[in-house]
């Protein structure tokens, strides 16, 4: 899966569960790869993030087959 770099740059990443097997950096995205014992199986991934500041955050998250969604959130200070 990938997450827009502009979004993640606003957070500290405390933990990712499960740990990614690979991380690839691109100018506008960060790609995370996860291993599964069953090929093609869905994998539940949790990102524990800490906001750098309060206010609105906007980003995108997606998978390599082209599906993606917009992330809109507001963090109270």
N, C-alpha and C. Protein backbone atom coordinates (compact mmCIF):
# COMPACT_ATOMS: atom_id res chain seq x y z
N UNK A 1 0.84 -1.16 0.00
CA UNK A 1 0.00 0.00 0.00
C UNK A 1 0.88 1.22 0.00
N UNK A 2 0.31 2.35 -0.38
CA UNK A 2 1.07 3.60 -0.36
C UNK A 2 0.26 4.68 0.35
N UNK A 3 0.99 5.65 0.89
CA UNK A 3 0.39 6.80 1.55
C UNK A 3 1.11 8.04 1.03
N UNK A 4 0.36 9.10 0.79
CA UNK A 4 0.98 10.32 0.27
C UNK A 4 2.02 10.84 1.26
N UNK A 5 3.14 11.21 0.69
CA UNK A 5 4.26 11.66 1.52
C UNK A 5 3.92 12.96 2.25
N UNK A 6 3.19 13.86 1.60
CA UNK A 6 2.82 15.13 2.22
C UNK A 6 1.99 14.91 3.48
N UNK A 7 1.18 13.84 3.49
CA UNK A 7 0.38 13.51 4.66
C UNK A 7 1.27 12.97 5.78
N UNK A 8 2.08 11.96 5.46
CA UNK A 8 2.91 11.34 6.50
C UNK A 8 3.99 12.26 7.04
N UNK A 9 4.42 13.23 6.24
CA UNK A 9 5.43 14.17 6.72
C UNK A 9 4.93 15.00 7.90
N UNK A 10 3.61 15.07 8.09
CA UNK A 10 3.02 15.84 9.18
C UNK A 10 2.88 15.03 10.48
N UNK A 11 3.28 13.77 10.46
CA UNK A 11 3.13 12.89 11.61
C UNK A 11 4.45 12.23 11.98
N UNK A 12 4.55 11.83 13.23
CA UNK A 12 5.60 10.93 13.67
C UNK A 12 5.00 9.53 13.65
N UNK A 13 5.69 8.57 13.11
CA UNK A 13 5.18 7.19 13.07
C UNK A 13 5.69 6.48 14.32
N UNK A 14 4.78 6.17 15.24
CA UNK A 14 5.15 5.49 16.48
C UNK A 14 5.33 3.99 16.24
N UNK A 15 4.45 3.41 15.40
CA UNK A 15 4.51 1.97 15.17
C UNK A 15 3.68 1.62 13.94
N UNK A 16 4.10 0.57 13.23
CA UNK A 16 3.33 0.00 12.14
C UNK A 16 3.20 -1.49 12.44
N UNK A 17 1.94 -1.98 12.48
CA UNK A 17 1.70 -3.41 12.76
C UNK A 17 0.91 -4.04 11.64
N UNK A 18 1.35 -5.13 11.09
CA UNK A 18 2.66 -5.75 11.29
C UNK A 18 3.75 -4.88 10.67
N UNK A 19 4.97 -5.17 11.04
CA UNK A 19 6.09 -4.41 10.47
C UNK A 19 6.15 -4.67 8.96
N UNK A 20 6.38 -3.63 8.17
CA UNK A 20 6.48 -3.84 6.72
C UNK A 20 7.72 -4.64 6.37
N UNK A 21 7.61 -5.44 5.30
CA UNK A 21 8.77 -6.19 4.83
C UNK A 21 9.67 -5.32 3.95
N UNK A 22 9.10 -4.23 3.41
CA UNK A 22 9.89 -3.30 2.59
C UNK A 22 9.20 -1.94 2.60
N UNK A 23 10.02 -0.90 2.50
CA UNK A 23 9.52 0.47 2.39
C UNK A 23 10.26 1.12 1.23
N UNK A 24 9.49 1.72 0.31
CA UNK A 24 10.08 2.38 -0.85
C UNK A 24 9.63 3.83 -0.86
N UNK A 25 10.59 4.73 -0.96
CA UNK A 25 10.30 6.16 -0.95
C UNK A 25 10.25 6.70 -2.37
N UNK A 26 9.23 7.47 -2.66
CA UNK A 26 9.11 8.20 -3.91
C UNK A 26 8.89 9.66 -3.55
N UNK A 27 9.06 10.57 -4.50
CA UNK A 27 8.89 11.99 -4.17
C UNK A 27 7.52 12.33 -3.58
N UNK A 28 6.45 11.67 -4.05
CA UNK A 28 5.11 12.02 -3.58
C UNK A 28 4.40 10.93 -2.79
N UNK A 29 5.01 9.74 -2.68
CA UNK A 29 4.39 8.61 -1.97
C UNK A 29 5.43 7.79 -1.21
N UNK A 30 4.94 7.11 -0.19
CA UNK A 30 5.76 6.12 0.50
C UNK A 30 5.02 4.79 0.37
N UNK A 31 5.68 3.80 -0.22
CA UNK A 31 5.09 2.47 -0.43
C UNK A 31 5.53 1.54 0.70
N UNK A 32 4.58 0.77 1.23
CA UNK A 32 4.84 -0.22 2.27
C UNK A 32 4.41 -1.58 1.74
N UNK A 33 5.29 -2.57 1.86
CA UNK A 33 4.98 -3.95 1.46
C UNK A 33 4.89 -4.81 2.71
N UNK A 34 3.92 -5.73 2.71
CA UNK A 34 3.70 -6.62 3.85
C UNK A 34 3.62 -8.05 3.35
N UNK A 35 4.25 -8.96 4.07
CA UNK A 35 4.22 -10.38 3.71
C UNK A 35 3.01 -11.06 4.33
N UNK A 36 2.49 -12.03 3.60
CA UNK A 36 1.38 -12.83 4.10
C UNK A 36 1.70 -14.29 3.83
N UNK A 37 1.32 -15.16 4.77
CA UNK A 37 1.55 -16.59 4.57
C UNK A 37 0.61 -17.17 3.51
N UNK A 38 -0.47 -16.43 3.20
CA UNK A 38 -1.42 -16.86 2.19
C UNK A 38 -1.42 -15.84 1.06
N UNK A 39 -0.89 -16.20 -0.11
CA UNK A 39 -0.84 -15.25 -1.23
C UNK A 39 -2.24 -14.72 -1.57
N UNK A 40 -2.33 -13.43 -1.78
CA UNK A 40 -3.59 -12.81 -2.15
C UNK A 40 -4.53 -12.53 -0.98
N UNK A 41 -4.15 -12.95 0.22
CA UNK A 41 -5.01 -12.73 1.39
C UNK A 41 -4.98 -11.27 1.80
N UNK A 42 -6.08 -10.81 2.38
CA UNK A 42 -6.12 -9.46 2.93
C UNK A 42 -5.29 -9.42 4.21
N UNK A 43 -4.60 -8.32 4.39
CA UNK A 43 -3.77 -8.14 5.58
C UNK A 43 -4.24 -6.87 6.28
N UNK A 44 -4.54 -6.99 7.57
CA UNK A 44 -4.92 -5.80 8.35
C UNK A 44 -3.65 -5.11 8.81
N UNK A 45 -3.54 -3.81 8.50
CA UNK A 45 -2.36 -3.03 8.82
C UNK A 45 -2.79 -1.85 9.69
N UNK A 46 -2.04 -1.59 10.77
CA UNK A 46 -2.34 -0.48 11.67
C UNK A 46 -1.14 0.45 11.74
N UNK A 47 -1.38 1.73 11.47
CA UNK A 47 -0.35 2.75 11.62
C UNK A 47 -0.68 3.54 12.88
N UNK A 48 0.25 3.59 13.82
CA UNK A 48 0.11 4.40 15.02
C UNK A 48 0.86 5.70 14.75
N UNK A 49 0.11 6.80 14.57
CA UNK A 49 0.69 8.08 14.20
C UNK A 49 0.52 9.10 15.31
N UNK A 50 1.48 10.02 15.40
CA UNK A 50 1.38 11.12 16.35
C UNK A 50 1.46 12.42 15.56
N UNK A 51 0.39 13.22 15.64
CA UNK A 51 0.33 14.47 14.89
C UNK A 51 1.39 15.45 15.39
N UNK A 52 1.98 16.18 14.46
CA UNK A 52 2.99 17.18 14.80
C UNK A 52 2.34 18.46 15.32
N UNK A 53 1.08 18.70 14.96
CA UNK A 53 0.36 19.90 15.37
C UNK A 53 -1.13 19.67 15.21
N UNK A 54 -1.93 20.53 15.81
CA UNK A 54 -3.37 20.45 15.64
C UNK A 54 -3.78 21.09 14.33
N UNK A 55 -4.98 20.74 13.87
CA UNK A 55 -5.50 21.34 12.65
C UNK A 55 -5.88 20.31 11.61
N UNK A 56 -6.17 20.77 10.40
CA UNK A 56 -6.61 19.87 9.35
C UNK A 56 -5.43 19.14 8.68
N UNK A 57 -5.69 17.91 8.27
CA UNK A 57 -4.72 17.10 7.54
C UNK A 57 -5.42 16.52 6.32
N UNK A 58 -4.73 16.49 5.20
CA UNK A 58 -5.29 15.98 3.96
C UNK A 58 -4.25 15.11 3.28
N UNK A 59 -4.65 13.95 2.79
CA UNK A 59 -3.72 13.07 2.10
C UNK A 59 -4.46 12.03 1.30
N UNK A 60 -3.73 11.05 0.78
CA UNK A 60 -4.31 9.94 0.02
C UNK A 60 -3.63 8.66 0.46
N UNK A 61 -4.38 7.57 0.36
CA UNK A 61 -3.86 6.23 0.64
C UNK A 61 -4.41 5.32 -0.45
N UNK A 62 -3.58 4.38 -0.90
CA UNK A 62 -4.04 3.50 -1.97
C UNK A 62 -3.22 2.24 -2.08
N UNK A 63 -3.58 1.46 -3.08
CA UNK A 63 -2.86 0.23 -3.41
C UNK A 63 -2.40 0.32 -4.85
N UNK A 64 -1.46 -0.52 -5.22
CA UNK A 64 -0.83 -0.41 -6.53
C UNK A 64 -1.75 -0.72 -7.71
N UNK A 65 -2.92 -1.31 -7.47
CA UNK A 65 -3.83 -1.59 -8.59
C UNK A 65 -4.63 -0.36 -9.01
N UNK A 66 -4.33 0.78 -8.40
CA UNK A 66 -4.96 2.02 -8.81
C UNK A 66 -6.05 2.53 -7.88
N UNK A 67 -6.53 1.71 -6.96
CA UNK A 67 -7.56 2.18 -6.04
C UNK A 67 -6.94 3.04 -4.95
N UNK A 68 -7.56 4.19 -4.68
CA UNK A 68 -7.08 5.04 -3.60
C UNK A 68 -8.24 5.86 -3.05
N UNK A 69 -8.05 6.38 -1.86
CA UNK A 69 -9.06 7.21 -1.20
C UNK A 69 -8.38 8.43 -0.59
N UNK A 70 -9.17 9.47 -0.46
CA UNK A 70 -8.68 10.69 0.17
C UNK A 70 -8.83 10.58 1.68
N UNK A 71 -7.84 11.05 2.41
CA UNK A 71 -7.88 11.10 3.87
C UNK A 71 -8.11 12.56 4.25
N UNK A 72 -9.18 12.81 5.01
CA UNK A 72 -9.43 14.15 5.54
C UNK A 72 -9.65 13.97 7.04
N UNK A 73 -8.85 14.65 7.83
CA UNK A 73 -9.04 14.56 9.26
C UNK A 73 -8.65 15.87 9.93
N UNK A 74 -9.19 16.06 11.11
CA UNK A 74 -8.88 17.24 11.90
C UNK A 74 -8.39 16.76 13.26
N UNK A 75 -7.23 17.26 13.67
CA UNK A 75 -6.65 16.89 14.96
C UNK A 75 -6.81 18.07 15.90
N UNK A 76 -7.44 17.83 17.04
CA UNK A 76 -7.58 18.88 18.05
C UNK A 76 -6.27 19.01 18.82
N UNK A 77 -5.80 20.26 19.01
CA UNK A 77 -4.53 20.45 19.71
C UNK A 77 -4.60 20.02 21.17
